[in-house]
Structure formats: structure tokens, C-alpha cells
């Protein structure tokens, strides 16, 4: 493997900066996601339970997707950081 081209190094630096911005944005959004997971729902006894069940399912799906997003961005950040260590 040869020495990375200058534009490749700059592209990696740009990706690292973008990754940092993405990480900061995720941290800002984390509070909102947590507030949804702590949502208290008042159930109307006249409405069928399916509405409440659907909301629970949607909140569980949101939590799972959010977990995947956080995991993916952390892995991407580690890979980019490791690549940076190998550049001159």
C-alpha cells in the first residue's frame, strides 16, 4: 500500500469533521429521544387499547432505531480515528 494522496487525506479530515458535527447533533437530539421514552400516556377508557398498543410499538421502534444510529456513528468515528493514526 502506497502513501495516501493529499486529496485522500483532506477527504478523511473532512469526514472526521463531519463525524464530529454528527456526534454533537446526536447528543443534542438524545434529550428529545429520552423524553419520548419517558412519555406518560393517559389512556381513555372509551378508546380501544389498540391505540395505546400502537403508540407503545412506535416508541419501542424509535428506541431501537436510535440505538442503531448511536452505535453506527460511534463505530464510524472509531474507524475514522484509527485511519487518521495511519496517515502521515
Protein backbone atom coordinates (compact mmCIF):
# COMPACT_ATOMS: atom_id res chain seq x y z
CA UNK A 1 0.00 0.00 0.00
CA UNK A 2 1.38 3.37 -1.01
CA UNK A 3 1.36 6.74 0.68
CA UNK A 4 -2.14 8.28 0.67
CA UNK A 5 -2.71 11.10 -1.80
CA UNK A 6 -3.10 14.60 -0.38
CA UNK A 7 -6.73 14.81 -1.53
CA UNK A 8 -7.44 11.49 0.20
CA UNK A 9 -6.05 12.85 3.45
CA UNK A 10 -8.13 16.02 3.07
CA UNK A 11 -11.23 13.94 2.35
CA UNK A 12 -10.61 11.94 5.52
CA UNK A 13 -10.15 15.15 7.52
CA UNK A 14 -13.46 16.41 6.11
CA UNK A 15 -15.15 13.15 7.11
CA UNK A 16 -13.73 13.45 10.63
CA UNK A 17 -15.10 16.99 10.91
CA UNK A 18 -18.49 15.85 9.60
CA UNK A 19 -18.42 12.95 12.06
CA UNK A 20 -17.80 15.33 14.96
CA UNK A 21 -20.71 17.54 13.87
CA UNK A 22 -22.95 14.49 13.56
CA UNK A 23 -21.92 13.32 17.03
CA UNK A 24 -22.69 16.74 18.51
CA UNK A 25 -26.09 16.78 16.80
CA UNK A 26 -26.89 13.31 18.12
CA UNK A 27 -26.05 14.43 21.64
CA UNK A 28 -28.45 17.36 21.24
CA UNK A 29 -31.22 15.08 19.97
CA UNK A 30 -30.61 12.50 22.71
CA UNK A 31 -32.59 14.55 25.21
CA UNK A 32 -35.64 14.52 22.94
CA UNK A 33 -35.43 10.78 22.35
CA UNK A 34 -35.14 10.13 26.08
CA UNK A 35 -38.14 12.35 26.74
CA UNK A 36 -40.19 10.24 24.31
CA UNK A 37 -39.16 7.05 26.07
CA UNK A 38 -40.26 8.58 29.38
CA UNK A 39 -43.58 9.68 27.91
CA UNK A 40 -46.56 9.15 30.17
CA UNK A 41 -49.73 8.34 28.31
CA UNK A 42 -53.16 8.91 29.79
CA UNK A 43 -55.44 6.19 28.44
CA UNK A 44 -59.05 6.99 27.74
CA UNK A 45 -61.16 4.04 28.83
CA UNK A 46 -63.59 4.70 25.96
CA UNK A 47 -60.91 4.16 23.31
CA UNK A 48 -59.72 0.72 22.30
CA UNK A 49 -56.38 -0.48 23.66
CA UNK A 50 -55.01 -0.80 20.12
CA UNK A 51 -54.25 2.92 20.02
CA UNK A 52 -52.14 2.68 23.16
CA UNK A 53 -50.52 -0.52 21.92
CA UNK A 54 -49.64 1.12 18.60
CA UNK A 55 -48.04 4.03 20.41
CA UNK A 56 -46.02 1.66 22.58
CA UNK A 57 -44.85 -0.18 19.47
CA UNK A 58 -43.84 3.06 17.78
CA UNK A 59 -41.92 4.23 20.83
CA UNK A 60 -40.13 0.87 21.08
CA UNK A 61 -39.23 1.07 17.38
CA UNK A 62 -37.93 4.62 17.85
CA UNK A 63 -35.76 3.49 20.74
CA UNK A 64 -34.35 0.61 18.71
CA UNK A 65 -33.62 2.80 15.67
CA UNK A 66 -31.99 5.42 17.89
CA UNK A 67 -29.79 2.76 19.45
CA UNK A 68 -28.67 1.64 15.98
CA UNK A 69 -27.92 5.23 14.95
CA UNK A 70 -25.80 5.81 18.05
CA UNK A 71 -23.95 2.52 17.58
CA UNK A 72 -23.29 3.17 13.89
CA UNK A 73 -21.95 6.68 14.47
CA UNK A 74 -19.69 5.50 17.30
CA UNK A 75 -18.25 2.73 15.11
CA UNK A 76 -17.76 5.13 12.21
CA UNK A 77 -15.98 7.59 14.48
CA UNK A 78 -13.63 4.89 15.77
CA UNK A 79 -12.79 3.74 12.24
CA UNK A 80 -12.07 7.27 11.06
CA UNK A 81 -9.91 7.93 14.13
CA UNK A 82 -7.96 4.72 13.53
CA UNK A 83 -7.42 5.64 9.88
CA UNK A 84 -6.13 9.05 10.89
CA UNK A 85 -3.43 7.44 13.02
CA UNK A 86 -2.03 5.74 9.91
CA UNK A 87 -1.76 8.92 7.85
CA UNK A 88 1.42 10.99 7.77
